[in-house]
């Protein structure tokens, strides 16, 4: 799966705002890329990561997750497969 996120993300953007592209392999490993990608089978979501809690709002509903590290993110995301 590929995740393209736009918004406030101090973890991956030097000045806070920007675009981040993450590729997640089937074995669970992830890496970030700088190239542009075209996606199919798109799903959209909003993600709010405040300290160790992550709140996700998508078509599937509302979800709360816990992380091991603190962060601050407010992003609009697109999930899909590369064309």
PDB file of N, CA and C in Angstrom:
ATOM      1  N   UNK A   1       0.831  -1.173   0.000  1.00  0.00           N
ATOM      2  CA  UNK A   1       0.000   0.000   0.000  1.00  0.00           C
ATOM      3  C   UNK A   1       0.881   1.244   0.000  1.00  0.00           C
ATOM      4  N   UNK A   2       0.337   2.306  -0.543  1.00  0.00           N
ATOM      5  CA  UNK A   2       1.022   3.584  -0.566  1.00  0.00           C
ATOM      6  C   UNK A   2       0.131   4.601   0.136  1.00  0.00           C
ATOM      7  N   UNK A   3       0.761   5.422   0.980  1.00  0.00           N
ATOM      8  CA  UNK A   3       0.050   6.449   1.713  1.00  0.00           C
ATOM      9  C   UNK A   3       0.654   7.803   1.336  1.00  0.00           C
ATOM     10  N   UNK A   4      -0.191   8.705   0.854  1.00  0.00           N
ATOM     11  CA  UNK A   4       0.228  10.063   0.533  1.00  0.00           C
ATOM     12  C   UNK A   4      -0.493  10.975   1.515  1.00  0.00           C
ATOM     13  N   UNK A   5       0.270  11.753   2.283  1.00  0.00           N
ATOM     14  CA  UNK A   5      -0.324  12.600   3.308  1.00  0.00           C
ATOM     15  C   UNK A   5       0.086  14.053   3.110  1.00  0.00           C
ATOM     16  N   UNK A   6      -0.887  14.959   3.309  1.00  0.00           N
ATOM     17  CA  UNK A   6      -0.679  16.394   3.192  1.00  0.00           C
ATOM     18  C   UNK A   6      -1.093  17.042   4.506  1.00  0.00           C
ATOM     19  N   UNK A   7      -0.264  17.933   5.017  1.00  0.00           N
ATOM     20  CA  UNK A   7      -0.664  18.664   6.203  1.00  0.00           C
ATOM     21  C   UNK A   7       0.478  18.942   7.151  1.00  0.00           C
ATOM     22  N   UNK A   8       0.123  19.122   8.413  1.00  0.00           N
ATOM     23  CA  UNK A   8       1.078  19.442   9.471  1.00  0.00           C
ATOM     24  C   UNK A   8       1.701  18.148   9.981  1.00  0.00           C
ATOM     25  N   UNK A   9       3.005  18.010   9.771  1.00  0.00           N
ATOM     26  CA  UNK A   9       3.702  16.774  10.127  1.00  0.00           C
ATOM     27  C   UNK A   9       5.146  17.115  10.478  1.00  0.00           C
ATOM     28  N   UNK A  10       5.430  17.334  11.754  1.00  0.00           N
ATOM     29  CA  UNK A  10       6.773  17.704  12.174  1.00  0.00           C
ATOM     30  C   UNK A  10       7.736  16.524  12.138  1.00  0.00           C
ATOM     31  N   UNK A  11       7.221  15.323  11.999  1.00  0.00           N
ATOM     32  CA  UNK A  11       8.058  14.129  11.939  1.00  0.00           C
ATOM     33  C   UNK A  11       8.768  14.009  10.590  1.00  0.00           C
ATOM     34  N   UNK A  12       8.095  14.378   9.515  1.00  0.00           N
ATOM     35  CA  UNK A  12       8.641  14.143   8.174  1.00  0.00           C
ATOM     36  C   UNK A  12       8.842  15.390   7.327  1.00  0.00           C
ATOM     37  N   UNK A  13       8.434  16.565   7.812  1.00  0.00           N
ATOM     38  CA  UNK A  13       8.585  17.797   7.047  1.00  0.00           C
ATOM     39  C   UNK A  13       9.368  18.811   7.872  1.00  0.00           C
ATOM     40  N   UNK A  14      10.401  19.319   7.294  1.00  0.00           N
ATOM     41  CA  UNK A  14      11.325  20.215   8.001  1.00  0.00           C
ATOM     42  C   UNK A  14      10.628  21.423   8.611  1.00  0.00           C
ATOM     43  N   UNK A  15       9.702  22.036   7.887  1.00  0.00           N
ATOM     44  CA  UNK A  15       9.027  23.229   8.367  1.00  0.00           C
ATOM     45  C   UNK A  15       7.614  22.944   8.857  1.00  0.00           C
ATOM     46  N   UNK A  16       7.251  21.683   8.974  1.00  0.00           N
ATOM     47  CA  UNK A  16       5.938  21.324   9.513  1.00  0.00           C
ATOM     48  C   UNK A  16       4.924  20.972   8.449  1.00  0.00           C
ATOM     49  N   UNK A  17       4.693  21.864   7.488  1.00  0.00           N
ATOM     50  CA  UNK A  17       3.687  21.608   6.464  1.00  0.00           C
ATOM     51  C   UNK A  17       4.326  20.985   5.236  1.00  0.00           C
ATOM     52  N   UNK A  18       3.593  20.075   4.596  1.00  0.00           N
ATOM     53  CA  UNK A  18       4.126  19.484   3.382  1.00  0.00           C
ATOM     54  C   UNK A  18       3.439  18.199   2.997  1.00  0.00           C
ATOM     55  N   UNK A  19       4.120  17.451   2.151  1.00  0.00           N
ATOM     56  CA  UNK A  19       3.622  16.201   1.588  1.00  0.00           C
ATOM     57  C   UNK A  19       4.576  15.079   1.964  1.00  0.00           C
ATOM     58  N   UNK A  20       4.016  13.934   2.308  1.00  0.00           N
ATOM     59  CA  UNK A  20       4.821  12.775   2.665  1.00  0.00           C
ATOM     60  C   UNK A  20       4.269  11.559   1.928  1.00  0.00           C
ATOM     61  N   UNK A  21       5.167  10.762   1.329  1.00  0.00           N
ATOM     62  CA  UNK A  21       4.758   9.544   0.630  1.00  0.00           C
ATOM     63  C   UNK A  21       5.451   8.363   1.293  1.00  0.00           C
ATOM     64  N   UNK A  22       4.645   7.421   1.781  1.00  0.00           N
ATOM     65  CA  UNK A  22       5.167   6.248   2.479  1.00  0.00           C
ATOM     66  C   UNK A  22       4.697   4.987   1.769  1.00  0.00           C
ATOM     67  N   UNK A  23       5.613   4.057   1.552  1.00  0.00           N
ATOM     68  CA  UNK A  23       5.278   2.778   0.933  1.00  0.00           C
ATOM     69  C   UNK A  23       5.406   1.700   2.000  1.00  0.00           C
ATOM     70  N   UNK A  24       4.352   0.924   2.161  1.00  0.00           N
ATOM     71  CA  UNK A  24       4.333  -0.146   3.156  1.00  0.00           C
ATOM     72  C   UNK A  24       4.319  -1.481   2.421  1.00  0.00           C
ATOM     73  N   UNK A  25       5.308  -2.313   2.696  1.00  0.00           N
ATOM     74  CA  UNK A  25       5.413  -3.636   2.079  1.00  0.00           C
ATOM     75  C   UNK A  25       4.506  -4.641   2.792  1.00  0.00           C
ATOM     76  N   UNK A  26       4.266  -5.772   2.152  1.00  0.00           N
ATOM     77  CA  UNK A  26       3.408  -6.808   2.734  1.00  0.00           C
ATOM     78  C   UNK A  26       3.995  -7.401   4.010  1.00  0.00           C
ATOM     79  N   UNK A  27       5.322  -7.334   4.159  1.00  0.00           N
ATOM     80  CA  UNK A  27       5.955  -7.875   5.372  1.00  0.00           C
ATOM     81  C   UNK A  27       5.934  -6.883   6.540  1.00  0.00           C
ATOM     82  N   UNK A  28       5.324  -5.709   6.337  1.00  0.00           N
ATOM     83  CA  UNK A  28       5.190  -4.733   7.415  1.00  0.00           C
ATOM     84  C   UNK A  28       6.253  -3.653   7.439  1.00  0.00           C
ATOM     85  N   UNK A  29       7.290  -3.788   6.609  1.00  0.00           N
ATOM     86  CA  UNK A  29       8.315  -2.750   6.573  1.00  0.00           C
ATOM     87  C   UNK A  29       7.805  -1.533   5.805  1.00  0.00           C
ATOM     88  N   UNK A  30       8.318  -0.357   6.168  1.00  0.00           N
ATOM     89  CA  UNK A  30       7.892   0.892   5.539  1.00  0.00           C
ATOM     90  C   UNK A  30       9.105   1.708   5.135  1.00  0.00           C
ATOM     91  N   UNK A  31       8.929   2.523   4.106  1.00  0.00           N
ATOM     92  CA  UNK A  31       9.958   3.485   3.747  1.00  0.00           C
ATOM     93  C   UNK A  31       9.310   4.664   3.045  1.00  0.00           C
ATOM     94  N   UNK A  32       9.979   5.795   3.088  1.00  0.00           N
ATOM     95  CA  UNK A  32       9.480   7.029   2.482  1.00  0.00           C
ATOM     96  C   UNK A  32      10.216   7.288   1.178  1.00  0.00           C
ATOM     97  N   UNK A  33       9.494   7.882   0.230  1.00  0.00           N
ATOM     98  CA  UNK A  33      10.077   8.216  -1.076  1.00  0.00           C
ATOM     99  C   UNK A  33       9.800   9.675  -1.390  1.00  0.00           C
ATOM    100  N   UNK A  34      10.559  10.223  -2.314  1.00  0.00           N
ATOM    101  CA  UNK A  34      10.396  11.617  -2.742  1.00  0.00           C
ATOM    102  C   UNK A  34       9.688  11.722  -4.092  1.00  0.00           C
ATOM    103  N   UNK A  35       9.544  10.604  -4.804  1.00  0.00           N
ATOM    104  CA  UNK A  35       8.968  10.644  -6.146  1.00  0.00           C
ATOM    105  C   UNK A  35       7.452  10.825  -6.081  1.00  0.00           C
ATOM    106  N   UNK A  36       6.868  11.239  -7.189  1.00  0.00           N
ATOM    107  CA  UNK A  36       5.413  11.334  -7.305  1.00  0.00           C
ATOM    108  C   UNK A  36       4.859   9.965  -7.677  1.00  0.00           C
ATOM    109  N   UNK A  37       3.670   9.669  -7.209  1.00  0.00           N
ATOM    110  CA  UNK A  37       3.043   8.395  -7.524  1.00  0.00           C
ATOM    111  C   UNK A  37       1.603   8.620  -7.957  1.00  0.00           C
ATOM    112  N   UNK A  38       1.116   7.742  -8.818  1.00  0.00           N
ATOM    113  CA  UNK A  38      -0.288   7.742  -9.213  1.00  0.00           C
ATOM    114  C   UNK A  38      -0.931   6.538  -8.552  1.00  0.00           C
ATOM    115  N   UNK A  39      -2.107   6.760  -7.953  1.00  0.00           N
ATOM    116  CA  UNK A  39      -2.753   5.706  -7.178  1.00  0.00           C
ATOM    117  C   UNK A  39      -4.056   5.254  -7.805  1.00  0.00           C
ATOM    118  N   UNK A  40      -4.394   3.986  -7.557  1.00  0.00           N
ATOM    119  CA  UNK A  40      -5.708   3.448  -7.897  1.00  0.00           C
ATOM    120  C   UNK A  40      -6.308   2.876  -6.612  1.00  0.00           C
ATOM    121  N   UNK A  41      -7.589   2.577  -6.620  1.00  0.00           N
ATOM    122  CA  UNK A  41      -8.308   2.049  -5.459  1.00  0.00           C
ATOM    123  C   UNK A  41      -8.095   2.953  -4.241  1.00  0.00           C
ATOM    124  N   UNK A  42      -8.371   4.230  -4.424  1.00  0.00           N
ATOM    125  CA  UNK A  42      -8.087   5.214  -3.396  1.00  0.00           C
ATOM    126  C   UNK A  42      -9.084   5.174  -2.244  1.00  0.00           C
ATOM    127  N   UNK A  43      -8.555   5.412  -1.053  1.00  0.00           N
ATOM    128  CA  UNK A  43      -9.367   5.630   0.145  1.00  0.00           C
ATOM    129  C   UNK A  43      -8.826   6.876   0.827  1.00  0.00           C
ATOM    130  N   UNK A  44      -9.711   7.706   1.343  1.00  0.00           N
ATOM    131  CA  UNK A  44      -9.322   8.973   1.940  1.00  0.00           C
ATOM    132  C   UNK A  44      -9.531   8.940   3.446  1.00  0.00           C
ATOM    133  N   UNK A  45      -8.701   9.695   4.175  1.00  0.00           N
ATOM    134  CA  UNK A  45      -8.814   9.723   5.634  1.00  0.00           C
ATOM    135  C   UNK A  45      -8.214  11.009   6.187  1.00  0.00           C
ATOM    136  N   UNK A  46      -8.605  11.338   7.420  1.00  0.00           N
ATOM    137  CA  UNK A  46      -7.984  12.389   8.209  1.00  0.00           C
ATOM    138  C   UNK A  46      -7.335  11.707   9.401  1.00  0.00           C
ATOM    139  N   UNK A  47      -6.122  12.135   9.736  1.00  0.00           N
ATOM    140  CA  UNK A  47      -5.414  11.532  10.866  1.00  0.00           C
ATOM    141  C   UNK A  47      -4.882  12.640  11.760  1.00  0.00           C
ATOM    142  N   UNK A  48      -5.174  12.505  13.041  1.00  0.00           N
ATOM    143  CA  UNK A  48      -4.707  13.443  14.056  1.00  0.00           C
ATOM    144  C   UNK A  48      -3.871  12.655  15.053  1.00  0.00           C
ATOM    145  N   UNK A  49      -2.582  12.952  15.137  1.00  0.00           N
ATOM    146  CA  UNK A  49      -1.685  12.270  16.062  1.00  0.00           C
ATOM    147  C   UNK A  49      -1.264  13.306  17.090  1.00  0.00           C
ATOM    148  N   UNK A  50      -1.728  13.128  18.308  1.00  0.00           N
ATOM    149  CA  UNK A  50      -1.456  14.064  19.390  1.00  0.00           C
ATOM    150  C   UNK A  50      -0.780  13.286  20.511  1.00  0.00           C
ATOM    151  N   UNK A  51       0.488  13.566  20.736  1.00  0.00           N
ATOM    152  CA  UNK A  51       1.342  12.853  21.680  1.00  0.00           C
ATOM    153  C   UNK A  51       1.349  11.360  21.344  1.00  0.00           C
ATOM    154  N   UNK A  52       0.790  10.481  22.145  1.00  0.00           N
ATOM    155  CA  UNK A  52       0.847   9.038  21.873  1.00  0.00           C
ATOM    156  C   UNK A  52      -0.469   8.472  21.349  1.00  0.00           C
ATOM    157  N   UNK A  53      -1.457   9.327  21.105  1.00  0.00           N
ATOM    158  CA  UNK A  53      -2.756   8.888  20.600  1.00  0.00           C
ATOM    159  C   UNK A  53      -2.924   9.306  19.146  1.00  0.00           C
ATOM    160  N   UNK A  54      -3.472   8.399  18.338  1.00  0.00           N
ATOM    161  CA  UNK A  54      -3.734   8.666  16.928  1.00  0.00           C
ATOM    162  C   UNK A  54      -5.223   8.465  16.682  1.00  0.00           C
ATOM    163  N   UNK A  55      -5.873   9.500  16.135  1.00  0.00           N
ATOM    164  CA  UNK A  55      -7.294   9.465  15.829  1.00  0.00           C
ATOM    165  C   UNK A  55      -7.438   9.484  14.314  1.00  0.00           C
ATOM    166  N   UNK A  56      -8.174   8.508  13.765  1.00  0.00           N
ATOM    167  CA  UNK A  56      -8.343   8.388  12.317  1.00  0.00           C
ATOM    168  C   UNK A  56      -9.827   8.455  11.993  1.00  0.00           C
ATOM    169  N   UNK A  57     -10.167   9.356  11.063  1.00  0.00           N
ATOM    170  CA  UNK A  57     -11.540   9.464  10.572  1.00  0.00           C
ATOM    171  C   UNK A  57     -11.512   9.107   9.097  1.00  0.00           C
ATOM    172  N   UNK A  58     -12.279   8.080   8.732  1.00  0.00           N
ATOM    173  CA  UNK A  58     -12.324   7.647   7.335  1.00  0.00           C
ATOM    174  C   UNK A  58     -13.741   7.186   7.012  1.00  0.00           C
ATOM    175  N   UNK A  59     -13.895   6.702   5.833  1.00  0.00           N
ATOM    176  CA  UNK A  59     -15.192   6.173   5.398  1.00  0.00           C
ATOM    177  C   UNK A  59     -15.617   4.982   6.262  1.00  0.00           C
ATOM    178  N   UNK A  60     -14.628   4.292   6.821  1.00  0.00           N
ATOM    179  CA  UNK A  60     -14.892   3.132   7.672  1.00  0.00           C
ATOM    180  C   UNK A  60     -15.299   3.521   9.084  1.00  0.00           C
ATOM    181  N   UNK A  61     -15.259   4.819   9.411  1.00  0.00           N
ATOM    182  CA  UNK A  61     -15.648   5.266  10.739  1.00  0.00           C
ATOM    183  C   UNK A  61     -14.528   5.957  11.476  1.00  0.00           C
ATOM    184  N   UNK A  62     -14.593   5.896  12.789  1.00  0.00           N
ATOM    185  CA  UNK A  62     -13.636   6.560  13.671  1.00  0.00           C
ATOM    186  C   UNK A  62     -12.825   5.509  14.402  1.00  0.00           C
ATOM    187  N   UNK A  63     -11.518   5.729  14.488  1.00  0.00           N
ATOM    188  CA  UNK A  63     -10.627   4.749  15.106  1.00  0.00           C
ATOM    189  C   UNK A  63      -9.613   5.476  15.984  1.00  0.00           C
ATOM    190  N   UNK A  64      -9.265   4.892  17.120  1.00  0.00           N
ATOM    191  CA  UNK A  64      -8.249   5.438  18.007  1.00  0.00           C
ATOM    192  C   UNK A  64      -7.161   4.384  18.193  1.00  0.00           C
ATOM    193  N   UNK A  65      -5.908   4.800  17.991  1.00  0.00           N
ATOM    194  CA  UNK A  65      -4.759   3.905  18.160  1.00  0.00           C
ATOM    195  C   UNK A  65      -3.785   4.534  19.145  1.00  0.00           C
ATOM    196  N   UNK A  66      -2.939   3.720  19.741  1.00  0.00           N
ATOM    197  CA  UNK A  66      -1.881   4.208  20.630  1.00  0.00           C
ATOM    198  C   UNK A  66      -0.532   3.904  20.014  1.00  0.00           C
ATOM    199  N   UNK A  67       0.410   4.837  20.164  1.00  0.00           N
ATOM    200  CA  UNK A  67       1.780   4.678  19.666  1.00  0.00           C
ATOM    201  C   UNK A  67       2.747   4.718  20.839  1.00  0.00           C
ATOM    202  N   UNK A  68       3.976   4.286  20.613  1.00  0.00           N
ATOM    203  CA  UNK A  68       4.990   4.275  21.661  1.00  0.00           C
ATOM    204  C   UNK A  68       5.742   5.588  21.787  1.00  0.00           C
ATOM    205  N   UNK A  69       5.624   6.466  20.800  1.00  0.00           N
ATOM    206  CA  UNK A  69       6.375   7.714  20.833  1.00  0.00           C
ATOM    207  C   UNK A  69       5.450   8.911  20.659  1.00  0.00           C
ATOM    208  N   UNK A  70       5.901  10.049  21.122  1.00  0.00           N
ATOM    209  CA  UNK A  70       5.127  11.283  20.992  1.00  0.00           C
ATOM    210  C   UNK A  70       5.336  11.897  19.623  1.00  0.00           C
ATOM    211  N   UNK A  71       4.284  12.512  19.089  1.00  0.00           N
ATOM    212  CA  UNK A  71       4.368  13.208  17.813  1.00  0.00           C
ATOM    213  C   UNK A  71       3.195  14.167  17.704  1.00  0.00           C
ATOM    214  N   UNK A  72       3.250  15.036  16.709  1.00  0.00           N
ATOM    215  CA  UNK A  72       2.144  15.937  16.416  1.00  0.00           C
ATOM    216  C   UNK A  72       1.941  15.947  14.910  1.00  0.00           C
ATOM    217  N   UNK A  73       0.782  15.458  14.478  1.00  0.00           N
ATOM    218  CA  UNK A  73       0.435  15.438  13.059  1.00  0.00           C
ATOM    219  C   UNK A  73      -1.047  15.746  12.907  1.00  0.00           C
ATOM    220  N   UNK A  74      -1.366  16.525  11.895  1.00  0.00           N
ATOM    221  CA  UNK A  74      -2.746  16.745  11.471  1.00  0.00           C
ATOM    222  C   UNK A  74      -2.690  16.678   9.956  1.00  0.00           C
ATOM    223  N   UNK A  75      -3.142  15.555   9.384  1.00  0.00           N
ATOM    224  CA  UNK A  75      -2.959  15.335   7.952  1.00  0.00           C
ATOM    225  C   UNK A  75      -4.229  14.814   7.283  1.00  0.00           C
ATOM    226  N   UNK A  76      -4.328  15.124   5.991  1.00  0.00           N
ATOM    227  CA  UNK A  76      -5.301  14.515   5.097  1.00  0.00           C
ATOM    228  C   UNK A  76      -4.531  13.478   4.306  1.00  0.00           C
ATOM    229  N   UNK A  77      -5.018  12.248   4.255  1.00  0.00           N
ATOM    230  CA  UNK A  77      -4.281  11.191   3.592  1.00  0.00           C
ATOM    231  C   UNK A  77      -5.063  10.484   2.503  1.00  0.00           C
ATOM    232  N   UNK A  78      -4.323   9.929   1.564  1.00  0.00           N
ATOM    233  CA  UNK A  78      -4.875   9.098   0.481  1.00  0.00           C
ATOM    234  C   UNK A  78      -4.124   7.778   0.524  1.00  0.00           C
ATOM    235  N   UNK A  79      -4.865   6.686   0.612  1.00  0.00           N
ATOM    236  CA  UNK A  79      -4.270   5.347   0.632  1.00  0.00           C
ATOM    237  C   UNK A  79      -4.659   4.656  -0.671  1.00  0.00           C
ATOM    238  N   UNK A  80      -3.726   3.928  -1.259  1.00  0.00           N
ATOM    239  CA  UNK A  80      -4.040   3.227  -2.499  1.00  0.00           C
ATOM    240  C   UNK A  80      -2.889   2.369  -2.973  1.00  0.00           C
ATOM    241  N   UNK A  81      -3.044   1.879  -4.188  1.00  0.00           N
ATOM    242  CA  UNK A  81      -2.022   1.053  -4.835  1.00  0.00           C
ATOM    243  C   UNK A  81      -1.471   1.824  -6.036  1.00  0.00           C
ATOM    244  N   UNK A  82      -0.190   1.651  -6.320  1.00  0.00           N
ATOM    245  CA  UNK A  82       0.420   2.360  -7.437  1.00  0.00           C
ATOM    246  C   UNK A  82      -0.077   1.799  -8.762  1.00  0.00           C
ATOM    247  N   UNK A  83      -0.295   2.696  -9.711  1.00  0.00           N
ATOM    248  CA  UNK A  83      -0.756   2.306 -11.051  1.00  0.00           C
ATOM    249  C   UNK A  83       0.426   1.760 -11.842  1.00  0.00           C
TER     250      UNK A  83
END
